Amino acid sequence: MPPPPARCPRLFYHAVLLNPLDQVLGLHAVGDPDGLYKLPGVVPNHNGWVGLATAVRFATGLEVAMGRQLATDLTPADPQTATPAYRHRVRSCGLVPQNHHITLGRGLDHHRWLAADEVAAYCGPAAPP
């Protein structure tokens, strides 16, 4: 009997928000390890990219406009751990004025502005587990 067909990857949409120093906004969730930050994002439903704008508003208090897609990646499924495949899509969502107040949403305890060369260390696979 052939193996079952692979499931479609789970989608995650993420927003890149920059300050005037070209630093990227990273959010820290309650209960996450110290040093682990996430880009504002959402698992989309029927609202697609519009849902991302709403998620950013709930997470940060900021009204954003969807800009161009910056990146996409695919993390393959791992049958040994039953981890599904994930596809991340990242869009530019604008510039946040210097010293603008960020109002964190429920489940978030602080934010950090990350230099471009810090993003992978705090948000990517190299981030603390």
Protein backbone atom coordinates (compact mmCIF):
# COMPACT_ATOMS: atom_id res chain seq x y z
CA MET A 1 0.00 0.00 0.00
CA PRO A 2 1.50 3.40 -0.94
CA PRO A 3 2.14 5.99 1.78
CA PRO A 4 -0.57 8.61 2.29
CA PRO A 5 -0.10 11.81 0.28
CA ALA A 6 1.86 14.58 1.96
CA ARG A 7 -0.24 17.27 3.61
CA CYS A 8 0.02 20.83 2.36
CA PRO A 9 2.44 22.91 4.45
CA ARG A 10 0.99 25.04 7.23
CA LEU A 11 1.24 28.70 6.28
CA PHE A 12 2.53 31.46 8.51
CA TYR A 13 2.49 35.10 7.45
CA HIS A 14 4.95 37.48 9.12
CA ALA A 15 5.42 41.26 9.11
CA VAL A 16 8.69 43.16 8.99
CA LEU A 17 8.35 46.54 10.68
CA LEU A 18 11.37 48.84 10.60
CA ASN A 19 12.29 51.87 12.67
CA PRO A 20 14.27 54.81 11.19
CA LEU A 21 17.54 53.00 12.08
CA ASP A 22 16.48 50.03 9.87
CA GLN A 23 16.04 47.81 12.92
CA VAL A 24 13.39 45.07 12.82
CA LEU A 25 10.67 44.76 15.46
CA GLY A 26 10.85 41.46 17.37
CA LEU A 27 8.18 40.37 19.86
CA HIS A 28 8.72 38.16 22.90
CA ALA A 29 5.85 35.95 24.02
CA VAL A 30 5.14 35.09 27.66
CA GLY A 31 6.69 31.70 28.39
CA ASP A 32 9.13 31.74 25.47
CA PRO A 33 12.83 31.31 26.30
CA ASP A 34 14.84 34.46 26.94
CA GLY A 35 16.41 35.71 23.74
CA LEU A 36 13.75 34.24 21.43
CA TYR A 37 11.81 36.84 19.45
CA LYS A 38 9.24 36.49 16.71
CA LEU A 39 8.17 38.72 13.90
CA PRO A 40 4.54 39.77 14.26
CA GLY A 41 2.53 37.17 12.40
CA VAL A 42 -0.52 35.01 11.94
CA VAL A 43 -1.59 31.59 10.76
CA PRO A 44 -3.86 32.77 7.95
CA ASN A 45 -7.46 31.80 7.46
CA HIS A 46 -9.76 33.03 4.75
CA ASN A 47 -8.52 36.62 5.37
CA GLY A 48 -5.02 35.93 4.02
CA TRP A 49 -2.72 38.94 4.09
CA VAL A 50 -5.53 41.12 5.49
CA GLY A 51 -5.43 38.88 8.56
CA LEU A 52 -1.75 39.80 8.96
CA ALA A 53 -2.58 43.51 9.22
CA THR A 54 -5.15 42.69 11.91
CA ALA A 55 -2.68 40.46 13.78
CA VAL A 56 -0.05 43.23 13.75
CA ARG A 57 -2.60 45.71 15.13
CA PHE A 58 -3.58 43.32 17.95
CA ALA A 59 0.07 42.49 18.76
CA THR A 60 1.54 46.00 18.60
CA GLY A 61 -1.23 48.59 18.38
CA LEU A 62 0.15 49.69 15.00
CA GLU A 63 -1.88 50.20 11.83
CA VAL A 64 0.14 48.87 8.90
CA ALA A 65 -0.13 48.63 5.16
CA MET A 66 0.91 45.46 3.37
CA GLY A 67 4.01 46.03 1.31
CA ARG A 68 5.83 43.67 -0.98
CA GLN A 69 6.74 40.11 -0.12
CA LEU A 70 10.33 39.97 1.12
CA ALA A 71 10.92 36.26 1.65
CA THR A 72 9.39 32.83 1.71
CA ASP A 73 10.80 29.57 2.98
CA LEU A 74 9.72 25.99 3.43
CA THR A 75 10.55 23.80 6.40
CA PRO A 76 9.94 20.20 5.31
CA ALA A 77 7.88 17.79 7.35
CA ASP A 78 9.67 15.40 9.68
CA PRO A 79 7.88 12.03 9.74
CA GLN A 80 10.00 10.81 12.66
CA THR A 81 8.68 13.55 14.96
CA ALA A 82 5.33 13.96 13.15
CA THR A 83 6.17 17.63 12.62
CA PRO A 84 4.25 18.99 9.63
CA ALA A 85 5.78 21.09 6.87
CA TYR A 86 5.70 24.86 7.36
CA ARG A 87 5.84 27.66 4.81
CA HIS A 88 6.72 31.13 6.10
CA ARG A 89 5.93 34.21 4.05
CA VAL A 90 7.30 37.58 5.11
CA ARG A 91 6.04 40.99 3.97
CA SER A 92 7.27 44.50 4.49
CA CYS A 93 4.70 46.37 6.57
CA GLY A 94 6.20 49.82 6.88
CA LEU A 95 8.23 52.18 8.98
CA VAL A 96 7.53 52.85 12.66
CA PRO A 97 8.49 56.39 13.74
CA GLN A 98 11.43 56.69 16.17
CA ASN A 99 10.31 56.31 19.82
CA HIS A 100 6.76 55.41 18.78
CA HIS A 101 4.90 53.63 21.59
CA ILE A 102 4.32 49.91 20.97
CA THR A 103 1.22 48.60 22.77
CA LEU A 104 1.80 44.89 23.26
CA GLY A 105 -1.13 42.54 22.87
CA ARG A 106 -2.18 39.67 25.08
CA GLY A 107 0.46 36.96 25.48
CA LEU A 108 3.40 39.29 24.75
CA ASP A 109 5.65 40.66 27.48
CA HIS A 110 8.20 42.84 25.66
CA HIS A 111 9.66 43.80 22.31
CA ARG A 112 13.11 44.53 20.99
CA TRP A 113 14.45 46.35 17.95
CA LEU A 114 16.91 44.02 16.22
CA ALA A 115 19.68 45.10 13.86
CA ALA A 116 19.47 43.33 10.51
CA ASP A 117 22.42 41.10 11.36
CA GLU A 118 20.78 40.06 14.67
CA VAL A 119 17.48 38.84 13.22
CA ALA A 120 18.68 35.32 12.39
CA ALA A 121 20.26 34.87 15.83
CA TYR A 122 17.10 35.93 17.70
CA CYS A 123 14.32 34.81 15.32
CA GLY A 124 15.78 32.04 13.18
CA PRO A 125 16.96 28.48 13.62
CA ALA A 126 20.00 29.70 15.59
CA ALA A 127 17.74 31.28 18.24
CA PRO A 128 17.65 29.71 21.71
CA PRO A 129 15.44 26.61 21.87
